[in-house]
Amino acid sequence: MSHQRIPADWTIQRSTPFFTKDNVPAALLTHHNTAEGVFGQLCVMEGVVTYYGFADSEATEPEVTVVINAVQFATSPPEYWHRIKLSPDAQFNINFWSEKDKTGQAMFNSK
């Protein structure tokens, strides 16, 4: 499920600043999903980020676990429920890709 290919004609609509354990938005550490028509690309600069993917918003056991090491990335497909866990030294950001202009629209939804 994770690391699906982002369509070639899609573009980055928004990029987050770099997050660490000190400033990561709480929503990322709990069940959330990318919006309809939006791929998330999680790019790890330092440390390790573990991505857990879930079958639906109520699932408690992940169906997918992806360990993303420094200088690696993984993708999260549109409307797929997931959460992340950070190593103490993790630093990462997220690029949101879409086919259409998403100015002013939410890139993800939390539970």
Protein backbone atom coordinates (compact mmCIF):
# COMPACT_ATOMS: atom_id res chain seq x y z
CA MET A 1 0.00 0.00 0.00
CA SER A 2 2.71 2.51 0.90
CA HIS A 3 5.27 3.85 -1.54
CA GLN A 4 2.91 3.82 -4.49
CA ARG A 5 4.06 5.84 -7.47
CA ILE A 6 2.84 9.42 -7.65
CA PRO A 7 1.41 10.05 -11.15
CA ALA A 8 3.94 11.79 -13.40
CA ASP A 9 1.67 14.73 -14.23
CA TRP A 10 0.95 15.61 -10.58
CA THR A 11 2.75 18.52 -8.89
CA ILE A 12 3.64 19.51 -5.33
CA GLN A 13 0.84 21.68 -3.95
CA ARG A 14 2.31 22.32 -0.52
CA SER A 15 5.37 21.41 1.54
CA THR A 16 5.57 21.47 5.32
CA PRO A 17 8.47 22.89 7.27
CA PHE A 18 10.85 20.38 8.84
CA PHE A 19 9.35 18.62 11.84
CA THR A 20 11.10 17.05 14.84
CA LYS A 21 9.76 15.39 17.98
CA ASP A 22 9.52 18.89 19.48
CA ASN A 23 7.23 20.44 16.86
CA VAL A 24 5.52 17.58 15.01
CA PRO A 25 1.76 18.21 14.73
CA ALA A 26 -0.10 15.85 17.08
CA ALA A 27 -2.45 14.83 14.23
CA LEU A 28 0.45 13.10 12.45
CA LEU A 29 1.04 10.81 15.43
CA THR A 30 -2.57 9.59 15.43
CA HIS A 31 -4.91 8.20 12.77
CA HIS A 32 -5.22 10.59 9.83
CA ASN A 33 -5.43 10.33 6.07
CA THR A 34 -4.44 12.33 3.05
CA ALA A 35 -7.30 14.16 1.38
CA GLU A 36 -9.08 12.96 -1.76
CA GLY A 37 -6.78 13.37 -4.75
CA VAL A 38 -3.69 14.04 -2.60
CA PHE A 39 -0.55 11.93 -2.21
CA GLY A 40 1.68 12.53 0.81
CA GLN A 41 5.43 12.15 0.32
CA LEU A 42 7.22 11.82 3.66
CA CYS A 43 10.89 12.76 3.31
CA VAL A 44 13.24 11.89 6.19
CA MET A 45 16.35 14.06 6.54
CA GLU A 46 17.70 12.60 9.81
CA GLY A 47 16.83 9.71 12.10
CA VAL A 48 13.99 7.30 11.39
CA VAL A 49 10.25 7.74 10.84
CA THR A 50 8.03 4.64 10.98
CA TYR A 51 4.82 4.78 8.94
CA TYR A 52 1.85 2.63 9.96
CA GLY A 53 -0.95 2.17 7.43
CA PHE A 54 -4.45 1.04 8.41
CA ALA A 55 -7.33 -0.59 6.52
CA ASP A 56 -9.77 2.06 7.75
CA SER A 57 -10.26 4.78 10.36
CA GLU A 58 -11.23 2.27 13.08
CA ALA A 59 -8.44 -0.29 12.60
CA THR A 60 -6.04 -0.60 15.52
CA GLU A 61 -3.53 -3.03 14.00
CA PRO A 62 -1.56 -1.74 11.00
CA GLU A 63 -1.75 -3.62 7.70
CA VAL A 64 1.42 -1.87 6.50
CA THR A 65 4.57 -0.86 8.38
CA VAL A 66 7.29 1.07 6.55
CA VAL A 67 10.54 2.13 8.21
CA ILE A 68 11.85 5.27 6.50
CA ASN A 69 15.52 5.95 7.22
CA ALA A 70 17.48 9.19 6.74
CA VAL A 71 17.60 10.39 3.10
CA GLN A 72 14.74 8.08 2.14
CA PHE A 73 11.09 8.80 1.47
CA ALA A 74 7.81 6.95 1.27
CA THR A 75 4.45 7.86 -0.20
CA SER A 76 0.97 7.65 1.25
CA PRO A 77 -1.87 7.33 -1.26
CA PRO A 78 -5.01 9.50 -1.22
CA GLU A 79 -7.53 8.80 1.55
CA TYR A 80 -5.37 6.11 3.20
CA TRP A 81 -5.45 6.05 7.01
CA HIS A 82 -2.06 6.11 8.69
CA ARG A 83 0.06 7.48 11.52
CA ILE A 84 3.77 7.88 12.14
CA LYS A 85 6.26 7.37 14.95
CA LEU A 86 9.54 9.29 15.19
CA SER A 87 12.96 8.33 16.50
CA PRO A 88 14.25 10.90 19.02
CA ASP A 89 16.55 12.45 16.38
CA ALA A 90 14.09 12.35 13.47
CA GLN A 91 13.75 15.33 11.17
CA PHE A 92 11.34 15.16 8.22
CA ASN A 93 8.94 17.08 6.06
CA ILE A 94 5.94 16.22 3.92
CA ASN A 95 5.24 17.20 0.32
CA PHE A 96 1.61 17.07 -0.78
CA TRP A 97 1.13 16.18 -4.45
CA SER A 98 -2.05 16.56 -6.47
CA GLU A 99 -3.27 16.62 -10.04
CA LYS A 100 -5.27 19.81 -9.47
CA ASP A 101 -4.65 23.13 -7.78
CA LYS A 102 -5.54 22.67 -4.12
CA THR A 103 -4.96 26.25 -2.94
CA GLY A 104 -6.78 26.83 0.32
CA GLN A 105 -7.89 23.20 0.67
CA ALA A 106 -6.97 20.75 3.42
CA MET A 107 -4.23 18.28 2.50
CA PHE A 108 -5.20 15.75 5.17
CA ASN A 109 -7.99 14.82 7.56
CA SER A 110 -7.61 13.70 11.16
CA LYS A 111 -9.92 11.29 12.91
